[in-house]
């Protein structure tokens, strides 16, 4: 995989589910916040977040598995194969409610271990959860103390662990913050952070890397973007020292009232780990790729939240990009498949 290959990405089909679609347990299918391709099982695994209305409606966190089918016109379709609830050590389902005495979970990032178990990033704590493939809790790992929420330090409210991904050989697991810590400037800060664990010993202190954010002045947008409008939403491993990062603005279909429906920035950033920080190398403009593929950016949902490698196709590598529709019935869920040379 090279930087040039990333920049050569083209749209090679997409699947779309209406906002009213249901999952295998009868719940609403949506809110997709992370994706991973499980090569051993040949399934695309999708992770919804805490549910409708930002954790104010009851929802049991879960994950879905999809079968990928090629269509006759060179496109792609997805078939829902299963839906599995996450359960605590006593077998009780987790809750997505923000105010609850139950075990709560805002699942935002997903990693698949070599043995098929799942690593899930929780935005509430923040914390890293380890689950069996049938959804039972195996372990819970808290980050270093300076990540935990405090009055003037720790993760910014609702901006916790957003991306979880493995290096290709499975020896490293990276956990990405959506926005800077409070002591790093909060939503207006110049850099977020990423923790990198050695999977041979997950109890060992992780390495802590600064992740520089986009300079909003580099984007031609009206009204202009600020750093508060930007967020990291996903990561994907390229090597032990290189990762793809999904970074986006807060504009598009389903944006908060008063914000523009015209998106200005949705990008996949090639970043490399060097001396305690990540260095931005190249960026793929997702809006340009989708527009070239015949889609109107103004019709696309605001929350581009997932990227994941897929099964090779047409002699190249594939990269999936999915959106989070916030479980809104009028906003569809898209799964875009990009082909890299």
C-alpha atoms as a PDB file:
ATOM      1  CA  UNK A   1       0.000   0.000   0.000  1.00  0.00           C
ATOM      2  CA  UNK A   2       1.413   3.389  -1.028  1.00  0.00           C
ATOM      3  CA  UNK A   3       0.406   7.012  -0.699  1.00  0.00           C
ATOM      4  CA  UNK A   4      -0.004   7.154  -4.482  1.00  0.00           C
ATOM      5  CA  UNK A   5      -2.484   4.270  -4.347  1.00  0.00           C
ATOM      6  CA  UNK A   6      -4.584   6.113  -1.777  1.00  0.00           C
ATOM      7  CA  UNK A   7      -4.705   9.222  -3.942  1.00  0.00           C
ATOM      8  CA  UNK A   8      -5.784   7.087  -6.923  1.00  0.00           C
ATOM      9  CA  UNK A   9      -8.982   5.874  -5.242  1.00  0.00           C
ATOM     10  CA  UNK A  10     -12.206   5.805  -7.288  1.00  0.00           C
ATOM     11  CA  UNK A  11     -15.790   4.965  -6.352  1.00  0.00           C
ATOM     12  CA  UNK A  12     -16.530   1.308  -7.167  1.00  0.00           C
ATOM     13  CA  UNK A  13     -20.127   0.972  -6.028  1.00  0.00           C
ATOM     14  CA  UNK A  14     -22.081   1.624  -2.871  1.00  0.00           C
ATOM     15  CA  UNK A  15     -24.858   0.113  -0.790  1.00  0.00           C
ATOM     16  CA  UNK A  16     -27.565   2.206   0.830  1.00  0.00           C
ATOM     17  CA  UNK A  17     -30.109   1.375   3.536  1.00  0.00           C
ATOM     18  CA  UNK A  18     -33.100   3.638   4.237  1.00  0.00           C
ATOM     19  CA  UNK A  19     -33.243   5.276   7.633  1.00  0.00           C
ATOM     20  CA  UNK A  20     -36.240   3.078   8.482  1.00  0.00           C
ATOM     21  CA  UNK A  21     -34.386  -0.221   7.866  1.00  0.00           C
ATOM     22  CA  UNK A  22     -34.304  -2.737  10.731  1.00  0.00           C
ATOM     23  CA  UNK A  23     -31.560  -5.036  11.989  1.00  0.00           C
ATOM     24  CA  UNK A  24     -31.726  -8.768  12.755  1.00  0.00           C
ATOM     25  CA  UNK A  25     -33.138  -8.071  16.239  1.00  0.00           C
ATOM     26  CA  UNK A  26     -35.867  -5.749  14.996  1.00  0.00           C
ATOM     27  CA  UNK A  27     -34.133  -2.536  16.046  1.00  0.00           C
ATOM     28  CA  UNK A  28     -33.431   0.376  13.749  1.00  0.00           C
ATOM     29  CA  UNK A  29     -30.429  -0.207  11.478  1.00  0.00           C
ATOM     30  CA  UNK A  30     -28.273   2.908  11.530  1.00  0.00           C
ATOM     31  CA  UNK A  31     -25.851   4.967  13.547  1.00  0.00           C
ATOM     32  CA  UNK A  32     -22.852   3.187  11.984  1.00  0.00           C
ATOM     33  CA  UNK A  33     -19.736   4.523  13.687  1.00  0.00           C
ATOM     34  CA  UNK A  34     -17.088   1.971  12.729  1.00  0.00           C
ATOM     35  CA  UNK A  35     -16.419  -0.791  10.202  1.00  0.00           C
ATOM     36  CA  UNK A  36     -13.961  -3.672   9.938  1.00  0.00           C
ATOM     37  CA  UNK A  37     -13.451  -6.360   7.331  1.00  0.00           C
ATOM     38  CA  UNK A  38     -13.106  -9.822   8.902  1.00  0.00           C
ATOM     39  CA  UNK A  39     -11.039 -11.669   6.308  1.00  0.00           C
ATOM     40  CA  UNK A  40     -11.263 -15.047   8.067  1.00  0.00           C
ATOM     41  CA  UNK A  41     -15.064 -15.008   8.137  1.00  0.00           C
ATOM     42  CA  UNK A  42     -15.430 -12.929   4.950  1.00  0.00           C
ATOM     43  CA  UNK A  43     -17.808 -10.540   6.694  1.00  0.00           C
ATOM     44  CA  UNK A  44     -18.023  -6.773   6.997  1.00  0.00           C
ATOM     45  CA  UNK A  45     -18.554  -5.968  10.689  1.00  0.00           C
ATOM     46  CA  UNK A  46     -20.378  -2.718  11.507  1.00  0.00           C
ATOM     47  CA  UNK A  47     -20.641  -0.987  14.876  1.00  0.00           C
ATOM     48  CA  UNK A  48     -23.569   1.332  15.724  1.00  0.00           C
ATOM     49  CA  UNK A  49     -23.172   3.904  18.486  1.00  0.00           C
ATOM     50  CA  UNK A  50     -25.348   4.602  21.555  1.00  0.00           C
ATOM     51  CA  UNK A  51     -28.689   4.996  19.760  1.00  0.00           C
ATOM     52  CA  UNK A  52     -31.214   7.724  18.979  1.00  0.00           C
ATOM     53  CA  UNK A  53     -31.288  11.242  20.424  1.00  0.00           C
ATOM     54  CA  UNK A  54     -27.682  11.243  21.665  1.00  0.00           C
ATOM     55  CA  UNK A  55     -28.194   8.630  24.343  1.00  0.00           C
ATOM     56  CA  UNK A  56     -31.585   9.846  25.548  1.00  0.00           C
ATOM     57  CA  UNK A  57     -33.596   6.893  24.189  1.00  0.00           C
ATOM     58  CA  UNK A  58     -33.154   3.326  25.388  1.00  0.00           C
ATOM     59  CA  UNK A  59     -30.922   1.293  23.071  1.00  0.00           C
ATOM     60  CA  UNK A  60     -28.819  -1.815  23.653  1.00  0.00           C
ATOM     61  CA  UNK A  61     -25.377  -1.451  21.976  1.00  0.00           C
ATOM     62  CA  UNK A  62     -24.677  -4.141  19.396  1.00  0.00           C
ATOM     63  CA  UNK A  63     -22.754  -5.023  16.252  1.00  0.00           C
ATOM     64  CA  UNK A  64     -23.828  -6.237  12.819  1.00  0.00           C
ATOM     65  CA  UNK A  65     -22.233  -8.589  10.304  1.00  0.00           C
ATOM     66  CA  UNK A  66     -22.815  -8.193   6.560  1.00  0.00           C
ATOM     67  CA  UNK A  67     -22.085 -10.416   3.583  1.00  0.00           C
ATOM     68  CA  UNK A  68     -20.688  -8.551   0.585  1.00  0.00           C
ATOM     69  CA  UNK A  69     -22.028  -9.402  -2.887  1.00  0.00           C
ATOM     70  CA  UNK A  70     -20.822  -8.220  -6.266  1.00  0.00           C
ATOM     71  CA  UNK A  71     -23.604  -7.057  -8.580  1.00  0.00           C
ATOM     72  CA  UNK A  72     -23.793  -7.616 -12.311  1.00  0.00           C
ATOM     73  CA  UNK A  73     -23.190  -3.959 -13.121  1.00  0.00           C
ATOM     74  CA  UNK A  74     -19.848  -3.887 -11.310  1.00  0.00           C
ATOM     75  CA  UNK A  75     -21.370  -2.538  -8.123  1.00  0.00           C
ATOM     76  CA  UNK A  76     -21.806  -4.015  -4.679  1.00  0.00           C
ATOM     77  CA  UNK A  77     -24.607  -4.935  -2.278  1.00  0.00           C
ATOM     78  CA  UNK A  78     -24.671  -5.837   1.410  1.00  0.00           C
ATOM     79  CA  UNK A  79     -26.745  -8.572   3.047  1.00  0.00           C
ATOM     80  CA  UNK A  80     -27.301  -8.363   6.804  1.00  0.00           C
ATOM     81  CA  UNK A  81     -26.172 -11.704   8.254  1.00  0.00           C
ATOM     82  CA  UNK A  82     -26.497 -11.156  12.012  1.00  0.00           C
ATOM     83  CA  UNK A  83     -26.910  -8.692  14.870  1.00  0.00           C
ATOM     84  CA  UNK A  84     -25.341  -9.386  18.281  1.00  0.00           C
ATOM     85  CA  UNK A  85     -25.834  -7.503  21.569  1.00  0.00           C
ATOM     86  CA  UNK A  86     -22.913  -6.564  23.800  1.00  0.00           C
ATOM     87  CA  UNK A  87     -23.272  -7.983  27.334  1.00  0.00           C
ATOM     88  CA  UNK A  88     -21.407  -7.391  30.579  1.00  0.00           C
ATOM     89  CA  UNK A  89     -19.615 -10.090  32.582  1.00  0.00           C
ATOM     90  CA  UNK A  90     -22.946 -11.136  34.164  1.00  0.00           C
ATOM     91  CA  UNK A  91     -24.595 -11.483  30.766  1.00  0.00           C
ATOM     92  CA  UNK A  92     -26.697  -8.313  30.978  1.00  0.00           C
ATOM     93  CA  UNK A  93     -27.015  -6.128  27.872  1.00  0.00           C
ATOM     94  CA  UNK A  94     -25.185  -2.824  27.955  1.00  0.00           C
ATOM     95  CA  UNK A  95     -27.205   0.389  27.716  1.00  0.00           C
ATOM     96  CA  UNK A  96     -26.615   3.322  25.399  1.00  0.00           C
ATOM     97  CA  UNK A  97     -28.385   5.734  27.747  1.00  0.00           C
ATOM     98  CA  UNK A  98     -26.242   8.622  28.897  1.00  0.00           C
ATOM     99  CA  UNK A  99     -27.932   8.762  32.338  1.00  0.00           C
ATOM    100  CA  UNK A 100     -28.200   5.255  33.739  1.00  0.00           C
ATOM    101  CA  UNK A 101     -26.926   3.133  36.615  1.00  0.00           C
ATOM    102  CA  UNK A 102     -26.600   0.171  34.250  1.00  0.00           C
ATOM    103  CA  UNK A 103     -23.433  -0.757  32.378  1.00  0.00           C
ATOM    104  CA  UNK A 104     -23.387   1.915  29.694  1.00  0.00           C
ATOM    105  CA  UNK A 105     -21.501   2.038  26.418  1.00  0.00           C
ATOM    106  CA  UNK A 106     -21.199   4.523  23.578  1.00  0.00           C
ATOM    107  CA  UNK A 107     -19.491   2.245  21.060  1.00  0.00           C
ATOM    108  CA  UNK A 108     -17.599   4.320  18.494  1.00  0.00           C
ATOM    109  CA  UNK A 109     -14.504   2.397  17.366  1.00  0.00           C
ATOM    110  CA  UNK A 110     -14.013  -1.253  16.394  1.00  0.00           C
ATOM    111  CA  UNK A 111     -10.945  -3.449  16.062  1.00  0.00           C
ATOM    112  CA  UNK A 112     -10.825  -7.176  15.308  1.00  0.00           C
ATOM    113  CA  UNK A 113      -8.097  -9.199  17.050  1.00  0.00           C
ATOM    114  CA  UNK A 114      -6.360 -12.080  15.220  1.00  0.00           C
ATOM    115  CA  UNK A 115      -8.470 -14.538  17.265  1.00  0.00           C
ATOM    116  CA  UNK A 116     -11.703 -12.880  16.084  1.00  0.00           C
ATOM    117  CA  UNK A 117     -12.532 -11.137  19.364  1.00  0.00           C
ATOM    118  CA  UNK A 118     -13.531  -7.477  19.268  1.00  0.00           C
ATOM    119  CA  UNK A 119     -11.950  -4.346  20.697  1.00  0.00           C
ATOM    120  CA  UNK A 120     -14.482  -1.541  21.138  1.00  0.00           C
ATOM    121  CA  UNK A 121     -13.739   2.086  21.933  1.00  0.00           C
ATOM    122  CA  UNK A 122     -16.174   3.696  24.382  1.00  0.00           C
ATOM    123  CA  UNK A 123     -16.701   7.437  24.135  1.00  0.00           C
ATOM    124  CA  UNK A 124     -18.349   7.767  27.544  1.00  0.00           C
ATOM    125  CA  UNK A 125     -15.479   6.843  29.879  1.00  0.00           C
ATOM    126  CA  UNK A 126     -13.404   6.843  27.669  1.00  0.00           C
ATOM    127  CA  UNK A 127     -12.315   3.204  27.799  1.00  0.00           C
ATOM    128  CA  UNK A 128     -11.349   0.259  25.639  1.00  0.00           C
ATOM    129  CA  UNK A 129     -13.552  -2.849  25.924  1.00  0.00           C
ATOM    130  CA  UNK A 130     -12.649  -6.384  24.858  1.00  0.00           C
ATOM    131  CA  UNK A 131     -15.558  -8.639  23.822  1.00  0.00           C
ATOM    132  CA  UNK A 132     -15.895 -12.247  22.718  1.00  0.00           C
ATOM    133  CA  UNK A 133     -17.406 -12.777  19.294  1.00  0.00           C
ATOM    134  CA  UNK A 134     -20.753 -13.604  20.896  1.00  0.00           C
ATOM    135  CA  UNK A 135     -20.719 -10.177  22.566  1.00  0.00           C
ATOM    136  CA  UNK A 136     -19.662 -11.031  26.140  1.00  0.00           C
ATOM    137  CA  UNK A 137     -17.326  -8.665  27.981  1.00  0.00           C
ATOM    138  CA  UNK A 138     -13.829 -10.069  28.513  1.00  0.00           C
ATOM    139  CA  UNK A 139     -11.915  -7.034  29.757  1.00  0.00           C
ATOM    140  CA  UNK A 140     -12.009  -3.252  30.183  1.00  0.00           C
ATOM    141  CA  UNK A 141      -8.933  -1.070  29.893  1.00  0.00           C
ATOM    142  CA  UNK A 142      -8.818   2.553  31.015  1.00  0.00           C
ATOM    143  CA  UNK A 143      -6.455   5.010  29.330  1.00  0.00           C
ATOM    144  CA  UNK A 144      -3.761   7.004  31.185  1.00  0.00           C
ATOM    145  CA  UNK A 145      -5.157   9.310  33.861  1.00  0.00           C
ATOM    146  CA  UNK A 146      -4.711  12.475  31.802  1.00  0.00           C
ATOM    147  CA  UNK A 147      -7.334  11.140  29.350  1.00  0.00           C
ATOM    148  CA  UNK A 148     -10.026  10.709  32.011  1.00  0.00           C
ATOM    149  CA  UNK A 149     -12.550  13.571  32.283  1.00  0.00           C
ATOM    150  CA  UNK A 150     -11.856  16.219  34.907  1.00  0.00           C
ATOM    151  CA  UNK A 151     -12.735  19.863  35.379  1.00  0.00           C
ATOM    152  CA  UNK A 152      -9.783  21.163  33.351  1.00  0.00           C
ATOM    153  CA  UNK A 153      -8.290  18.022  31.875  1.00  0.00           C
ATOM    154  CA  UNK A 154      -9.172  14.810  30.097  1.00  0.00           C
ATOM    155  CA  UNK A 155     -11.432  14.138  27.170  1.00  0.00           C
ATOM    156  CA  UNK A 156     -13.819  16.850  26.025  1.00  0.00           C
ATOM    157  CA  UNK A 157     -17.512  16.072  26.571  1.00  0.00           C
ATOM    158  CA  UNK A 158     -18.825  13.686  23.879  1.00  0.00           C
ATOM    159  CA  UNK A 159     -15.406  13.705  22.181  1.00  0.00           C
ATOM    160  CA  UNK A 160     -13.804  10.531  23.530  1.00  0.00           C
ATOM    161  CA  UNK A 161     -12.418   7.417  21.844  1.00  0.00           C
ATOM    162  CA  UNK A 162     -13.684   7.499  18.275  1.00  0.00           C
ATOM    163  CA  UNK A 163     -11.379   5.208  16.308  1.00  0.00           C
ATOM    164  CA  UNK A 164      -9.892   1.776  17.094  1.00  0.00           C
ATOM    165  CA  UNK A 165      -7.713  -0.083  14.612  1.00  0.00           C
ATOM    166  CA  UNK A 166      -4.968  -2.695  14.373  1.00  0.00           C
ATOM    167  CA  UNK A 167      -1.707  -2.780  12.501  1.00  0.00           C
ATOM    168  CA  UNK A 168      -1.863  -5.328   9.640  1.00  0.00           C
ATOM    169  CA  UNK A 169       0.083  -7.940  11.631  1.00  0.00           C
ATOM    170  CA  UNK A 170      -2.076  -7.440  14.724  1.00  0.00           C
ATOM    171  CA  UNK A 171       0.875  -6.523  16.941  1.00  0.00           C
ATOM    172  CA  UNK A 172      -0.367  -2.995  17.615  1.00  0.00           C
ATOM    173  CA  UNK A 173      -3.765  -1.549  18.499  1.00  0.00           C
ATOM    174  CA  UNK A 174      -4.364   2.186  18.057  1.00  0.00           C
ATOM    175  CA  UNK A 175      -7.089   4.209  19.792  1.00  0.00           C
ATOM    176  CA  UNK A 176      -7.897   7.669  18.395  1.00  0.00           C
ATOM    177  CA  UNK A 177      -9.521  10.607  20.201  1.00  0.00           C
ATOM    178  CA  UNK A 178     -12.173  12.528  18.298  1.00  0.00           C
ATOM    179  CA  UNK A 179     -10.926  15.934  19.495  1.00  0.00           C
ATOM    180  CA  UNK A 180      -8.125  17.347  21.674  1.00  0.00           C
ATOM    181  CA  UNK A 181      -8.054  16.829  25.419  1.00  0.00           C
ATOM    182  CA  UNK A 182      -9.169  19.797  27.531  1.00  0.00           C
ATOM    183  CA  UNK A 183      -5.569  20.549  28.521  1.00  0.00           C
ATOM    184  CA  UNK A 184      -4.625  20.498  24.818  1.00  0.00           C
ATOM    185  CA  UNK A 185      -7.152  23.197  23.936  1.00  0.00           C
ATOM    186  CA  UNK A 186     -10.399  21.239  23.715  1.00  0.00           C
ATOM    187  CA  UNK A 187     -12.360  21.434  20.472  1.00  0.00           C
ATOM    188  CA  UNK A 188     -10.257  24.409  19.325  1.00  0.00           C
ATOM    189  CA  UNK A 189      -6.913  22.685  19.973  1.00  0.00           C
ATOM    190  CA  UNK A 190      -4.315  22.148  17.261  1.00  0.00           C
ATOM    191  CA  UNK A 191      -3.813  18.431  17.876  1.00  0.00           C
ATOM    192  CA  UNK A 192      -5.750  15.396  19.058  1.00  0.00           C
ATOM    193  CA  UNK A 193      -4.137  12.244  20.421  1.00  0.00           C
ATOM    194  CA  UNK A 194      -3.745   8.557  19.639  1.00  0.00           C
ATOM    195  CA  UNK A 195      -2.712   5.791  22.031  1.00  0.00           C
ATOM    196  CA  UNK A 196      -0.832   2.827  20.565  1.00  0.00           C
ATOM    197  CA  UNK A 197      -0.830  -0.440  22.539  1.00  0.00           C
ATOM    198  CA  UNK A 198       1.372  -3.495  22.034  1.00  0.00           C
ATOM    199  CA  UNK A 199      -1.166  -6.323  21.859  1.00  0.00           C
ATOM    200  CA  UNK A 200       1.237  -8.831  23.427  1.00  0.00           C
ATOM    201  CA  UNK A 201       0.721  -6.946  26.711  1.00  0.00           C
ATOM    202  CA  UNK A 202      -2.352  -4.705  26.721  1.00  0.00           C
ATOM    203  CA  UNK A 203      -1.785  -3.873  30.415  1.00  0.00           C
ATOM    204  CA  UNK A 204       1.485  -2.163  29.562  1.00  0.00           C
ATOM    205  CA  UNK A 205       1.286   1.628  29.274  1.00  0.00           C
ATOM    206  CA  UNK A 206       0.584   2.636  25.659  1.00  0.00           C
ATOM    207  CA  UNK A 207       2.601   5.120  23.662  1.00  0.00           C
ATOM    208  CA  UNK A 208       0.903   8.510  23.444  1.00  0.00           C
ATOM    209  CA  UNK A 209       1.073  10.333  20.096  1.00  0.00           C
ATOM    210  CA  UNK A 210      -0.039  13.832  19.201  1.00  0.00           C
ATOM    211  CA  UNK A 211      -2.162  13.950  16.042  1.00  0.00           C
ATOM    212  CA  UNK A 212      -2.127  17.328  14.236  1.00  0.00           C
ATOM    213  CA  UNK A 213      -5.495  18.537  12.985  1.00  0.00           C
ATOM    214  CA  UNK A 214      -6.319  20.223   9.715  1.00  0.00           C
ATOM    215  CA  UNK A 215      -5.683  23.955   9.507  1.00  0.00           C
ATOM    216  CA  UNK A 216      -9.249  25.050   8.607  1.00  0.00           C
ATOM    217  CA  UNK A 217      -7.878  27.966   6.577  1.00  0.00           C
ATOM    218  CA  UNK A 218      -6.718  25.365   4.028  1.00  0.00           C
ATOM    219  CA  UNK A 219     -10.340  24.606   3.057  1.00  0.00           C
ATOM    220  CA  UNK A 220     -12.344  26.889   0.798  1.00  0.00           C
ATOM    221  CA  UNK A 221     -15.664  26.920   2.657  1.00  0.00           C
ATOM    222  CA  UNK A 222     -18.529  29.363   3.123  1.00  0.00           C
ATOM    223  CA  UNK A 223     -18.997  30.132   5.922  1.00  0.00           C
ATOM    224  CA  UNK A 224     -15.350  29.449   6.830  1.00  0.00           C
ATOM    225  CA  UNK A 225     -14.530  26.405   8.934  1.00  0.00           C
ATOM    226  CA  UNK A 226     -13.008  26.599  12.401  1.00  0.00           C
ATOM    227  CA  UNK A 227     -11.247  23.828  14.314  1.00  0.00           C
ATOM    228  CA  UNK A 228     -14.393  23.424  16.418  1.00  0.00           C
ATOM    229  CA  UNK A 229     -16.130  22.274  13.214  1.00  0.00           C
ATOM    230  CA  UNK A 230     -13.657  19.410  12.695  1.00  0.00           C
ATOM    231  CA  UNK A 231     -13.298  15.935  14.172  1.00  0.00           C
ATOM    232  CA  UNK A 232     -11.397  12.687  13.704  1.00  0.00           C
ATOM    233  CA  UNK A 233     -13.772   9.746  13.391  1.00  0.00           C
ATOM    234  CA  UNK A 234     -11.849   6.626  12.457  1.00  0.00           C
ATOM    235  CA  UNK A 235      -8.453   5.042  11.880  1.00  0.00           C
ATOM    236  CA  UNK A 236      -7.234   2.072   9.843  1.00  0.00           C
ATOM    237  CA  UNK A 237      -3.828   0.402   9.891  1.00  0.00           C
ATOM    238  CA  UNK A 238      -1.441   0.585   6.932  1.00  0.00           C
ATOM    239  CA  UNK A 239       1.697  -0.671   8.723  1.00  0.00           C
ATOM    240  CA  UNK A 240       3.104  -0.699  12.263  1.00  0.00           C
ATOM    241  CA  UNK A 241       3.900   2.999  11.924  1.00  0.00           C
ATOM    242  CA  UNK A 242       1.394   4.306   9.363  1.00  0.00           C
ATOM    243  CA  UNK A 243      -2.356   4.764   9.694  1.00  0.00           C
ATOM    244  CA  UNK A 244      -5.249   6.190   7.725  1.00  0.00           C
ATOM    245  CA  UNK A 245      -7.305   8.733   9.682  1.00  0.00           C
ATOM    246  CA  UNK A 246     -10.816   9.859   8.747  1.00  0.00           C
ATOM    247  CA  UNK A 247     -11.278  13.585   9.401  1.00  0.00           C
ATOM    248  CA  UNK A 248     -14.408  15.575   8.597  1.00  0.00           C
ATOM    249  CA  UNK A 249     -16.410  18.757   9.086  1.00  0.00           C
ATOM    250  CA  UNK A 250     -19.879  19.045  10.660  1.00  0.00           C
ATOM    251  CA  UNK A 251     -21.772  19.917   7.466  1.00  0.00           C
ATOM    252  CA  UNK A 252     -24.137  17.866   5.320  1.00  0.00           C
ATOM    253  CA  UNK A 253     -27.537  16.173   5.388  1.00  0.00           C
ATOM    254  CA  UNK A 254     -28.700  15.841   8.986  1.00  0.00           C
ATOM    255  CA  UNK A 255     -26.419  18.604  10.286  1.00  0.00           C
ATOM    256  CA  UNK A 256     -27.427  20.483  13.414  1.00  0.00           C
ATOM    257  CA  UNK A 257     -29.871  23.380  12.841  1.00  0.00           C
ATOM    258  CA  UNK A 258     -28.127  26.483  11.557  1.00  0.00           C
ATOM    259  CA  UNK A 259     -25.242  24.568   9.997  1.00  0.00           C
ATOM    260  CA  UNK A 260     -24.672  24.297   6.255  1.00  0.00           C
ATOM    261  CA  UNK A 261     -26.041  21.363   4.256  1.00  0.00           C
ATOM    262  CA  UNK A 262     -23.090  21.729   1.873  1.00  0.00           C
ATOM    263  CA  UNK A 263     -20.121  19.693   3.141  1.00  0.00           C
ATOM    264  CA  UNK A 264     -16.670  21.173   2.660  1.00  0.00           C
ATOM    265  CA  UNK A 265     -14.250  18.633   4.109  1.00  0.00           C
ATOM    266  CA  UNK A 266     -14.360  14.832   4.365  1.00  0.00           C
ATOM    267  CA  UNK A 267     -10.890  13.321   3.966  1.00  0.00           C
ATOM    268  CA  UNK A 268      -8.780  10.236   4.573  1.00  0.00           C
ATOM    269  CA  UNK A 269      -5.393  11.327   5.911  1.00  0.00           C
ATOM    270  CA  UNK A 270      -2.251   9.201   5.554  1.00  0.00           C
ATOM    271  CA  UNK A 271      -0.335   9.733   8.817  1.00  0.00           C
ATOM    272  CA  UNK A 272       2.931   8.258  10.095  1.00  0.00           C
ATOM    273  CA  UNK A 273       4.167   7.885  13.670  1.00  0.00           C
ATOM    274  CA  UNK A 274       7.431   9.692  14.332  1.00  0.00           C
ATOM    275  CA  UNK A 275       9.062  10.675  17.643  1.00  0.00           C
ATOM    276  CA  UNK A 276       5.953  10.998  19.781  1.00  0.00           C
ATOM    277  CA  UNK A 277       3.730  12.589  17.166  1.00  0.00           C
ATOM    278  CA  UNK A 278       2.019  11.751  13.906  1.00  0.00           C
ATOM    279  CA  UNK A 279       2.977  13.479  10.685  1.00  0.00           C
ATOM    280  CA  UNK A 280       0.323  14.167   8.056  1.00  0.00           C
ATOM    281  CA  UNK A 281       1.674  12.927   4.720  1.00  0.00           C
ATOM    282  CA  UNK A 282      -1.180  13.015   2.186  1.00  0.00           C
ATOM    283  CA  UNK A 283      -4.983  13.401   2.169  1.00  0.00           C
ATOM    284  CA  UNK A 284      -7.649  11.863  -0.060  1.00  0.00           C
ATOM    285  CA  UNK A 285     -10.588  14.207  -0.719  1.00  0.00           C
ATOM    286  CA  UNK A 286     -13.616  11.931  -0.314  1.00  0.00           C
ATOM    287  CA  UNK A 287     -16.075  14.545  -1.560  1.00  0.00           C
ATOM    288  CA  UNK A 288     -14.151  14.834  -4.829  1.00  0.00           C
ATOM    289  CA  UNK A 289     -14.053  11.044  -5.241  1.00  0.00           C
ATOM    290  CA  UNK A 290     -17.801  10.696  -4.678  1.00  0.00           C
ATOM    291  CA  UNK A 291     -18.627  13.655  -6.913  1.00  0.00           C
ATOM    292  CA  UNK A 292     -16.535  12.158  -9.720  1.00  0.00           C
ATOM    293  CA  UNK A 293     -18.460   8.925  -9.152  1.00  0.00           C
ATOM    294  CA  UNK A 294     -21.736  10.719  -9.869  1.00  0.00           C
ATOM    295  CA  UNK A 295     -22.978  11.620  -6.380  1.00  0.00           C
ATOM    296  CA  UNK A 296     -24.131  15.063  -5.273  1.00  0.00           C
ATOM    297  CA  UNK A 297     -22.218  16.076  -2.102  1.00  0.00           C
ATOM    298  CA  UNK A 298     -25.201  18.113  -0.873  1.00  0.00           C
ATOM    299  CA  UNK A 299     -27.281  14.923  -0.623  1.00  0.00           C
ATOM    300  CA  UNK A 300     -24.732  13.122   1.582  1.00  0.00           C
ATOM    301  CA  UNK A 301     -25.070  12.779   5.371  1.00  0.00           C
ATOM    302  CA  UNK A 302     -22.879  14.902   7.606  1.00  0.00           C
ATOM    303  CA  UNK A 303     -21.230  12.136   9.600  1.00  0.00           C
ATOM    304  CA  UNK A 304     -18.639  10.236   7.585  1.00  0.00           C
ATOM    305  CA  UNK A 305     -17.512   8.024  10.478  1.00  0.00           C
ATOM    306  CA  UNK A 306     -16.034   4.748   9.206  1.00  0.00           C
ATOM    307  CA  UNK A 307     -13.231   3.513   6.988  1.00  0.00           C
ATOM    308  CA  UNK A 308     -12.089  -0.092   6.613  1.00  0.00           C
ATOM    309  CA  UNK A 309     -10.085  -2.213   4.235  1.00  0.00           C
ATOM    310  CA  UNK A 310     -12.191  -4.633   2.200  1.00  0.00           C
ATOM    311  CA  UNK A 311     -11.683  -7.750   0.123  1.00  0.00           C
ATOM    312  CA  UNK A 312      -9.464  -7.096  -2.943  1.00  0.00           C
ATOM    313  CA  UNK A 313     -11.439  -6.452  -6.133  1.00  0.00           C
ATOM    314  CA  UNK A 314     -10.613  -5.879  -9.807  1.00  0.00           C
ATOM    315  CA  UNK A 315      -6.912  -6.296  -9.191  1.00  0.00           C
ATOM    316  CA  UNK A 316      -6.712  -3.591  -6.523  1.00  0.00           C
ATOM    317  CA  UNK A 317      -7.344  -2.952  -2.870  1.00  0.00           C
ATOM    318  CA  UNK A 318     -10.707  -1.725  -1.601  1.00  0.00           C
ATOM    319  CA  UNK A 319     -11.498   0.792   1.117  1.00  0.00           C
ATOM    320  CA  UNK A 320     -14.964   1.043   2.645  1.00  0.00           C
ATOM    321  CA  UNK A 321     -16.345   4.368   3.862  1.00  0.00           C
ATOM    322  CA  UNK A 322     -19.608   4.464   5.839  1.00  0.00           C
ATOM    323  CA  UNK A 323     -21.776   7.216   7.299  1.00  0.00           C
ATOM    324  CA  UNK A 324     -23.592   7.551  10.608  1.00  0.00           C
ATOM    325  CA  UNK A 325     -27.199   8.674  10.025  1.00  0.00           C
ATOM    326  CA  UNK A 326     -27.813   9.201  13.778  1.00  0.00           C
ATOM    327  CA  UNK A 327     -30.719   6.728  13.461  1.00  0.00           C
ATOM    328  CA  UNK A 328     -32.768   9.445  11.749  1.00  0.00           C
ATOM    329  CA  UNK A 329     -35.570   7.858   9.647  1.00  0.00           C
ATOM    330  CA  UNK A 330     -35.227  10.425   6.840  1.00  0.00           C
ATOM    331  CA  UNK A 331     -31.429  10.049   6.536  1.00  0.00           C
ATOM    332  CA  UNK A 332     -30.076   6.972   4.689  1.00  0.00           C
ATOM    333  CA  UNK A 333     -27.031   4.927   5.680  1.00  0.00           C
ATOM    334  CA  UNK A 334     -24.401   4.705   2.940  1.00  0.00           C
ATOM    335  CA  UNK A 335     -21.579   2.202   2.566  1.00  0.00           C
ATOM    336  CA  UNK A 336     -19.222   3.426  -0.172  1.00  0.00           C
ATOM    337  CA  UNK A 337     -16.641   1.088  -1.690  1.00  0.00           C
ATOM    338  CA  UNK A 338     -13.526   2.722  -3.107  1.00  0.00           C
ATOM    339  CA  UNK A 339     -11.075   0.934  -5.393  1.00  0.00           C
ATOM    340  CA  UNK A 340      -7.377   1.693  -4.988  1.00  0.00           C
ATOM    341  CA  UNK A 341      -4.906   0.803  -7.760  1.00  0.00           C
END
